[in-house]
Each structure stands twice: as structure tokens, then as C-alpha cells.
Amino acid sequence: MTGQDWDSINKFTQAVGWKLIFDLNVLLRRGGHWDSSNAEELMHYTVNQGYHVDFELGNEPDAFHHALNRTLSSTDLARDYRHLFALLQKSAGLQKSRIIGPDLTRPSKRALKYLSKYVAYTAQVSIWQHSRK
């Protein structure tokens, strides 16, 4: 995606009065951890352009095993979300951005087990944020 593409997406969502939620690629990994370098470039550009964006990290991670032949544990995902939270908190223009997710494929036993492990870990590291508008 180019800067011009990002500008077009943001200008469109602003024009129609929508809030943009952008899904970052959690499968970009280095040493078992999320490689956030690409996301950090996007965040820096976003702040410089004055855009307001909310973020999600990975789409339906409980389905990676059968859709992409990859796995990502709920503990690793929680750790990655914590990293995303830290990135947003140190960015003056993105501190109010919401973190969305993780989203799941459907409320199956397997998906709910994945989510419960994620919640158990995030409760220990306290990354949840809540805001009202």
C-alpha cells in the first residue's frame, strides 16, 4: 500500500463520517514475536497526516491453522496486543486510538477456548482499554 492509497482510504472514511479500523498483519514475525516495523511506519505517517485510526491485530487468529497452515498461540497474540498498546501509548497522535480484537471466526468451543486463554493472559498484563463516546 502506498501513502497515496492510505490517504485515499482515510479521506474517504472522513468524507462519509466513518471511523477507520485498520487490521495490522500479526503474521509478520521475527524471532517468534510480531515484527511491528511496518506498522510503526504506518503509524508515523498516520500521525503526520493527522488521521485518526483504530487498530486490530490479525484477523480471526483462531482460524490461522486451517486457513493459512500457521498457528499463533493465544498467549503470543496477547503479548503482541500488549506491544501494539505500548506503540500507541508512546505516539502522541494515536494514544486515543482503540484496539479492536481479537475477533474470532464463530463462537465454537475451540474459538472460545482460544479467547479464554487470551483473556486470562491479558488480565495478567492489563492492556484493556475502554472509552465511551
N, C-alpha and C. Protein backbone atom coordinates (compact mmCIF):
# COMPACT_ATOMS: atom_id res chain seq x y z
N MET A 1 0.85 -1.17 0.00
CA MET A 1 0.00 0.00 0.00
C MET A 1 0.90 1.23 0.00
N THR A 2 0.56 2.18 -0.82
CA THR A 2 1.33 3.43 -0.90
C THR A 2 0.73 4.48 0.04
N GLY A 3 1.48 5.54 0.25
CA GLY A 3 0.96 6.66 1.02
C GLY A 3 -0.28 7.25 0.38
N GLN A 4 -0.30 7.29 -0.94
CA GLN A 4 -1.46 7.81 -1.66
C GLN A 4 -2.69 6.92 -1.42
N ASP A 5 -2.48 5.59 -1.38
CA ASP A 5 -3.58 4.67 -1.07
C ASP A 5 -4.13 4.96 0.33
N TRP A 6 -3.22 5.11 1.29
CA TRP A 6 -3.61 5.36 2.69
C TRP A 6 -4.35 6.69 2.80
N ASP A 7 -3.86 7.69 2.09
CA ASP A 7 -4.55 8.99 2.08
C ASP A 7 -5.97 8.84 1.53
N SER A 8 -6.12 8.11 0.44
CA SER A 8 -7.44 7.93 -0.17
C SER A 8 -8.40 7.22 0.77
N ILE A 9 -7.92 6.18 1.43
CA ILE A 9 -8.76 5.44 2.38
C ILE A 9 -9.21 6.36 3.51
N ASN A 10 -8.28 7.11 4.07
CA ASN A 10 -8.60 7.99 5.19
C ASN A 10 -9.52 9.14 4.77
N LYS A 11 -9.28 9.71 3.60
CA LYS A 11 -10.13 10.80 3.13
C LYS A 11 -11.55 10.31 2.85
N PHE A 12 -11.65 9.09 2.32
CA PHE A 12 -12.97 8.52 2.08
C PHE A 12 -13.73 8.32 3.39
N THR A 13 -13.08 7.70 4.38
CA THR A 13 -13.77 7.43 5.65
C THR A 13 -14.16 8.73 6.34
N GLN A 14 -13.32 9.75 6.22
CA GLN A 14 -13.66 11.05 6.80
C GLN A 14 -14.86 11.67 6.07
N ALA A 15 -14.87 11.56 4.76
CA ALA A 15 -15.93 12.16 3.95
C ALA A 15 -17.30 11.56 4.25
N VAL A 16 -17.33 10.26 4.54
CA VAL A 16 -18.62 9.61 4.80
C VAL A 16 -18.93 9.52 6.30
N GLY A 17 -18.01 10.05 7.13
CA GLY A 17 -18.26 10.09 8.57
C GLY A 17 -18.03 8.77 9.28
N TRP A 18 -17.21 7.91 8.71
CA TRP A 18 -16.91 6.63 9.34
C TRP A 18 -15.63 6.71 10.14
N LYS A 19 -15.48 5.79 11.06
CA LYS A 19 -14.25 5.62 11.83
C LYS A 19 -13.50 4.44 11.22
N LEU A 20 -12.23 4.62 10.89
CA LEU A 20 -11.45 3.58 10.24
C LEU A 20 -10.83 2.64 11.28
N ILE A 21 -11.06 1.36 11.09
CA ILE A 21 -10.38 0.32 11.87
C ILE A 21 -9.46 -0.39 10.90
N PHE A 22 -8.16 -0.34 11.15
CA PHE A 22 -7.20 -0.97 10.25
C PHE A 22 -6.60 -2.20 10.91
N ASP A 23 -6.61 -3.29 10.18
CA ASP A 23 -6.11 -4.58 10.68
C ASP A 23 -4.64 -4.73 10.30
N LEU A 24 -3.78 -4.74 11.30
CA LEU A 24 -2.35 -4.92 11.10
C LEU A 24 -2.03 -6.41 10.97
N ASN A 25 -1.01 -6.73 10.22
CA ASN A 25 -0.64 -8.12 9.95
C ASN A 25 0.17 -8.71 11.10
N VAL A 26 -0.48 -9.52 11.91
CA VAL A 26 0.18 -10.15 13.06
C VAL A 26 1.10 -11.29 12.63
N LEU A 27 0.97 -11.74 11.39
CA LEU A 27 1.81 -12.85 10.91
C LEU A 27 3.17 -12.40 10.41
N LEU A 28 3.43 -11.09 10.43
CA LEU A 28 4.79 -10.61 10.19
C LEU A 28 5.56 -10.84 11.48
N ARG A 29 6.42 -11.84 11.51
CA ARG A 29 7.05 -12.25 12.76
C ARG A 29 8.56 -12.29 12.60
N ARG A 30 9.23 -12.02 13.71
CA ARG A 30 10.68 -12.12 13.78
C ARG A 30 11.03 -12.67 15.15
N GLY A 31 11.70 -13.81 15.16
CA GLY A 31 12.10 -14.41 16.44
C GLY A 31 10.92 -14.80 17.31
N GLY A 32 9.80 -15.17 16.69
CA GLY A 32 8.63 -15.58 17.44
C GLY A 32 7.74 -14.45 17.92
N HIS A 33 8.13 -13.22 17.62
CA HIS A 33 7.36 -12.06 18.06
C HIS A 33 6.87 -11.28 16.84
N TRP A 34 5.80 -10.51 17.04
CA TRP A 34 5.27 -9.67 15.99
C TRP A 34 6.31 -8.65 15.57
N ASP A 35 6.59 -8.56 14.28
CA ASP A 35 7.50 -7.56 13.73
C ASP A 35 6.67 -6.32 13.41
N SER A 36 6.76 -5.33 14.25
CA SER A 36 5.91 -4.15 14.14
C SER A 36 6.52 -3.04 13.30
N SER A 37 7.66 -3.28 12.66
CA SER A 37 8.35 -2.20 11.95
C SER A 37 7.47 -1.58 10.85
N ASN A 38 6.76 -2.40 10.11
CA ASN A 38 5.87 -1.87 9.06
C ASN A 38 4.73 -1.08 9.68
N ALA A 39 4.16 -1.59 10.76
CA ALA A 39 3.08 -0.90 11.46
C ALA A 39 3.56 0.44 12.02
N GLU A 40 4.78 0.48 12.53
CA GLU A 40 5.31 1.72 13.07
C GLU A 40 5.48 2.77 11.98
N GLU A 41 5.90 2.37 10.79
CA GLU A 41 5.98 3.31 9.66
C GLU A 41 4.60 3.87 9.33
N LEU A 42 3.61 2.98 9.30
CA LEU A 42 2.25 3.41 9.00
C LEU A 42 1.73 4.36 10.09
N MET A 43 2.01 4.05 11.34
CA MET A 43 1.56 4.90 12.44
C MET A 43 2.21 6.28 12.36
N HIS A 44 3.49 6.31 12.05
CA HIS A 44 4.21 7.58 11.94
C HIS A 44 3.58 8.44 10.82
N TYR A 45 3.33 7.84 9.69
CA TYR A 45 2.70 8.54 8.57
C TYR A 45 1.30 9.01 8.97
N THR A 46 0.56 8.15 9.65
CA THR A 46 -0.80 8.46 10.08
C THR A 46 -0.83 9.70 10.97
N VAL A 47 0.08 9.74 11.93
CA VAL A 47 0.16 10.88 12.84
C VAL A 47 0.54 12.15 12.08
N ASN A 48 1.53 12.03 11.20
CA ASN A 48 1.97 13.20 10.43
C ASN A 48 0.87 13.77 9.53
N GLN A 49 -0.03 12.90 9.08
CA GLN A 49 -1.13 13.35 8.22
C GLN A 49 -2.34 13.81 9.04
N GLY A 50 -2.31 13.57 10.34
CA GLY A 50 -3.41 13.99 11.21
C GLY A 50 -4.63 13.07 11.15
N TYR A 51 -4.42 11.83 10.74
CA TYR A 51 -5.53 10.88 10.66
C TYR A 51 -5.81 10.26 12.03
N HIS A 52 -7.05 9.86 12.24
CA HIS A 52 -7.45 9.18 13.47
C HIS A 52 -7.91 7.78 13.09
N VAL A 53 -7.18 6.79 13.56
CA VAL A 53 -7.41 5.40 13.16
C VAL A 53 -7.42 4.52 14.40
N ASP A 54 -8.30 3.52 14.39
CA ASP A 54 -8.28 2.46 15.40
C ASP A 54 -7.64 1.24 14.76
N PHE A 55 -7.15 0.32 15.59
CA PHE A 55 -6.37 -0.79 15.05
C PHE A 55 -6.85 -2.13 15.59
N GLU A 56 -6.67 -3.12 14.75
CA GLU A 56 -6.86 -4.52 15.10
C GLU A 56 -5.56 -5.23 14.72
N LEU A 57 -5.27 -6.32 15.38
CA LEU A 57 -4.04 -7.05 15.10
C LEU A 57 -4.39 -8.49 14.71
N GLY A 58 -4.40 -8.75 13.43
CA GLY A 58 -4.70 -10.09 12.94
C GLY A 58 -6.20 -10.32 12.82
N ASN A 59 -6.59 -11.01 11.78
CA ASN A 59 -8.00 -11.30 11.53
C ASN A 59 -8.28 -12.78 11.79
N GLU A 60 -9.15 -13.06 12.73
CA GLU A 60 -9.56 -14.43 13.07
C GLU A 60 -8.37 -15.35 13.32
N PRO A 61 -7.56 -15.02 14.32
CA PRO A 61 -6.35 -15.81 14.58
C PRO A 61 -6.62 -17.26 14.96
N ASP A 62 -7.82 -17.55 15.44
CA ASP A 62 -8.15 -18.94 15.78
C ASP A 62 -8.27 -19.80 14.52
N ALA A 63 -8.36 -19.18 13.35
CA ALA A 63 -8.50 -19.93 12.09
C ALA A 63 -7.21 -20.00 11.28
N PHE A 64 -6.13 -19.43 11.78
CA PHE A 64 -4.88 -19.45 11.03
C PHE A 64 -4.45 -20.87 10.69
N HIS A 65 -4.69 -21.81 11.61
CA HIS A 65 -4.21 -23.18 11.41
C HIS A 65 -4.81 -23.84 10.18
N HIS A 66 -6.10 -23.62 9.94
CA HIS A 66 -6.70 -24.29 8.78
C HIS A 66 -6.77 -23.39 7.55
N ALA A 67 -6.74 -22.09 7.72
CA ALA A 67 -6.82 -21.19 6.56
C ALA A 67 -5.44 -20.92 5.95
N LEU A 68 -4.41 -20.89 6.80
CA LEU A 68 -3.09 -20.50 6.32
C LEU A 68 -1.99 -21.50 6.67
N ASN A 69 -2.38 -22.60 7.33
CA ASN A 69 -1.41 -23.60 7.79
C ASN A 69 -0.35 -22.98 8.71
N ARG A 70 -0.79 -22.03 9.53
CA ARG A 70 0.07 -21.37 10.52
C ARG A 70 -0.67 -21.37 11.84
N THR A 71 0.05 -21.27 12.90
CA THR A 71 -0.58 -21.16 14.21
C THR A 71 0.03 -19.99 14.97
N LEU A 72 -0.79 -19.45 15.83
CA LEU A 72 -0.36 -18.37 16.72
C LEU A 72 -1.09 -18.59 18.03
N SER A 73 -0.34 -18.88 19.07
CA SER A 73 -0.98 -19.17 20.35
C SER A 73 -1.68 -17.93 20.89
N SER A 74 -2.66 -18.15 21.71
CA SER A 74 -3.39 -17.02 22.31
C SER A 74 -2.48 -16.21 23.22
N THR A 75 -1.51 -16.85 23.85
CA THR A 75 -0.55 -16.15 24.70
C THR A 75 0.34 -15.25 23.85
N ASP A 76 0.81 -15.76 22.71
CA ASP A 76 1.63 -14.93 21.82
C ASP A 76 0.82 -13.76 21.28
N LEU A 77 -0.43 -14.02 20.92
CA LEU A 77 -1.28 -12.94 20.42
C LEU A 77 -1.49 -11.88 21.50
N ALA A 78 -1.71 -12.29 22.71
CA ALA A 78 -1.89 -11.34 23.81
C ALA A 78 -0.62 -10.50 24.00
N ARG A 79 0.52 -11.14 23.91
CA ARG A 79 1.79 -10.42 24.01
C ARG A 79 1.93 -9.40 22.87
N ASP A 80 1.49 -9.79 21.68
CA ASP A 80 1.55 -8.88 20.53
C ASP A 80 0.60 -7.71 20.71
N TYR A 81 -0.58 -7.96 21.24
CA TYR A 81 -1.52 -6.86 21.52
C TYR A 81 -0.94 -5.91 22.56
N ARG A 82 -0.25 -6.45 23.53
CA ARG A 82 0.40 -5.60 24.54
C ARG A 82 1.44 -4.70 23.87
N HIS A 83 2.17 -5.27 22.93
CA HIS A 83 3.16 -4.49 22.18
C HIS A 83 2.48 -3.38 21.37
N LEU A 84 1.38 -3.71 20.71
CA LEU A 84 0.61 -2.71 19.97
C LEU A 84 0.14 -1.60 20.90
N PHE A 85 -0.38 -1.97 22.05
CA PHE A 85 -0.84 -0.98 23.03
C PHE A 85 0.30 -0.03 23.41
N ALA A 86 1.49 -0.58 23.64
CA ALA A 86 2.65 0.24 24.00
C ALA A 86 3.03 1.20 22.88
N LEU A 87 2.98 0.72 21.64
CA LEU A 87 3.29 1.58 20.50
C LEU A 87 2.32 2.76 20.42
N LEU A 88 1.05 2.48 20.60
CA LEU A 88 0.05 3.54 20.53
C LEU A 88 0.21 4.54 21.68
N GLN A 89 0.56 4.04 22.86
CA GLN A 89 0.70 4.93 24.01
C GLN A 89 1.88 5.87 23.88
N LYS A 90 2.93 5.45 23.16
CA LYS A 90 4.09 6.34 23.01
C LYS A 90 3.97 7.28 21.81
N SER A 91 2.89 7.15 21.06
CA SER A 91 2.66 8.01 19.91
C SER A 91 1.62 9.06 20.27
N ALA A 92 2.06 10.31 20.37
CA ALA A 92 1.18 11.40 20.83
C ALA A 92 -0.11 11.48 20.03
N GLY A 93 -0.08 11.19 18.74
CA GLY A 93 -1.27 11.31 17.92
C GLY A 93 -2.17 10.10 17.91
N LEU A 94 -1.74 9.00 18.54
CA LEU A 94 -2.53 7.76 18.48
C LEU A 94 -2.91 7.23 19.86
N GLN A 95 -2.65 7.97 20.90
CA GLN A 95 -2.94 7.49 22.25
C GLN A 95 -4.42 7.21 22.48
N LYS A 96 -5.29 7.88 21.75
CA LYS A 96 -6.72 7.66 21.92
C LYS A 96 -7.27 6.63 20.95
N SER A 97 -6.41 6.06 20.13
CA SER A 97 -6.85 5.01 19.21
C SER A 97 -7.33 3.81 19.99
N ARG A 98 -8.39 3.22 19.51
CA ARG A 98 -8.89 2.00 20.13
C ARG A 98 -8.19 0.79 19.55
N ILE A 99 -8.07 -0.22 20.37
CA ILE A 99 -7.55 -1.50 19.91
C ILE A 99 -8.74 -2.46 19.88
N ILE A 100 -8.99 -3.01 18.71
CA ILE A 100 -10.13 -3.88 18.49
C ILE A 100 -9.62 -5.32 18.40
N GLY A 101 -10.33 -6.23 19.03
CA GLY A 101 -9.98 -7.64 18.85
C GLY A 101 -9.50 -8.29 20.12
N PRO A 102 -9.16 -9.53 20.01
CA PRO A 102 -9.15 -10.30 18.76
C PRO A 102 -10.56 -10.74 18.36
N ASP A 103 -10.77 -10.78 17.07
CA ASP A 103 -12.05 -11.30 16.59
C ASP A 103 -11.88 -12.80 16.30
N LEU A 104 -12.96 -13.51 16.39
CA LEU A 104 -12.93 -14.95 16.19
C LEU A 104 -13.85 -15.34 15.05
N THR A 105 -13.64 -16.53 14.52
CA THR A 105 -14.42 -16.98 13.38
C THR A 105 -15.89 -17.16 13.74
N ARG A 106 -16.15 -17.81 14.85
CA ARG A 106 -17.51 -18.06 15.34
C ARG A 106 -17.39 -18.57 16.77
N PRO A 107 -18.45 -18.55 17.54
CA PRO A 107 -18.35 -18.97 18.94
C PRO A 107 -18.34 -20.49 19.11
N SER A 108 -17.38 -21.16 18.49
CA SER A 108 -17.22 -22.60 18.66
C SER A 108 -16.46 -22.87 19.96
N LYS A 109 -16.47 -24.11 20.40
CA LYS A 109 -15.73 -24.46 21.61
C LYS A 109 -14.25 -24.14 21.45
N ARG A 110 -13.71 -24.46 20.28
CA ARG A 110 -12.29 -24.21 20.03
C ARG A 110 -11.98 -22.71 20.06
N ALA A 111 -12.81 -21.91 19.41
CA ALA A 111 -12.60 -20.47 19.37
C ALA A 111 -12.76 -19.85 20.76
N LEU A 112 -13.74 -20.31 21.52
CA LEU A 112 -13.94 -19.77 22.86
C LEU A 112 -12.81 -20.18 23.80
N LYS A 113 -12.25 -21.35 23.60
CA LYS A 113 -11.09 -21.77 24.40
C LYS A 113 -9.90 -20.86 24.09
N TYR A 114 -9.71 -20.57 22.80
CA TYR A 114 -8.64 -19.66 22.38
C TYR A 114 -8.82 -18.30 23.04
N LEU A 115 -10.04 -17.77 22.97
CA LEU A 115 -10.32 -16.47 23.54
C LEU A 115 -10.16 -16.47 25.06
N SER A 116 -10.59 -17.51 25.72
CA SER A 116 -10.46 -17.54 27.19
C SER A 116 -9.00 -17.54 27.62
N LYS A 117 -8.14 -18.23 26.87
CA LYS A 117 -6.70 -18.20 27.20
C LYS A 117 -6.13 -16.80 26.96
N TYR A 118 -6.58 -16.16 25.88
CA TYR A 118 -6.15 -14.80 25.59
C TYR A 118 -6.56 -13.86 26.72
N VAL A 119 -7.82 -13.94 27.13
CA VAL A 119 -8.33 -13.08 28.20
C VAL A 119 -7.60 -13.33 29.51
N ALA A 120 -7.33 -14.59 29.81
CA ALA A 120 -6.60 -14.91 31.04
C ALA A 120 -5.22 -14.25 31.04
N TYR A 121 -4.56 -14.28 29.91
CA TYR A 121 -3.23 -13.66 29.83
C TYR A 121 -3.32 -12.15 29.86
N THR A 122 -4.25 -11.56 29.12
CA THR A 122 -4.33 -10.09 29.10
C THR A 122 -4.78 -9.55 30.44
N ALA A 123 -5.56 -10.31 31.17
CA ALA A 123 -5.95 -9.86 32.51
C ALA A 123 -4.72 -9.75 33.40
N GLN A 124 -3.74 -10.60 33.16
CA GLN A 124 -2.50 -10.55 33.94
C GLN A 124 -1.63 -9.35 33.56
N VAL A 125 -1.69 -8.95 32.30
CA VAL A 125 -0.83 -7.86 31.86
C VAL A 125 -1.56 -6.52 31.75
N SER A 126 -2.87 -6.52 31.94
CA SER A 126 -3.68 -5.31 31.99
C SER A 126 -3.48 -4.37 30.80
N ILE A 127 -3.89 -4.82 29.62
CA ILE A 127 -3.79 -3.93 28.46
C ILE A 127 -5.15 -3.45 27.99
N TRP A 128 -6.22 -3.89 28.62
CA TRP A 128 -7.54 -3.49 28.15
C TRP A 128 -7.75 -2.01 28.30
N GLN A 129 -8.38 -1.42 27.32
CA GLN A 129 -8.77 -0.03 27.44
C GLN A 129 -10.23 0.10 27.04
N HIS A 130 -10.90 1.01 27.68
CA HIS A 130 -12.32 1.21 27.41
C HIS A 130 -12.55 2.70 27.31
N SER A 131 -13.29 3.10 26.33
CA SER A 131 -13.64 4.52 26.24
C SER A 131 -15.08 4.65 25.80
N ARG A 132 -15.69 5.71 26.21
CA ARG A 132 -17.09 5.98 25.84
C ARG A 132 -17.13 7.23 25.01
N LYS A 133 -18.02 7.23 24.05
CA LYS A 133 -18.19 8.44 23.23
C LYS A 133 -19.59 8.94 23.38
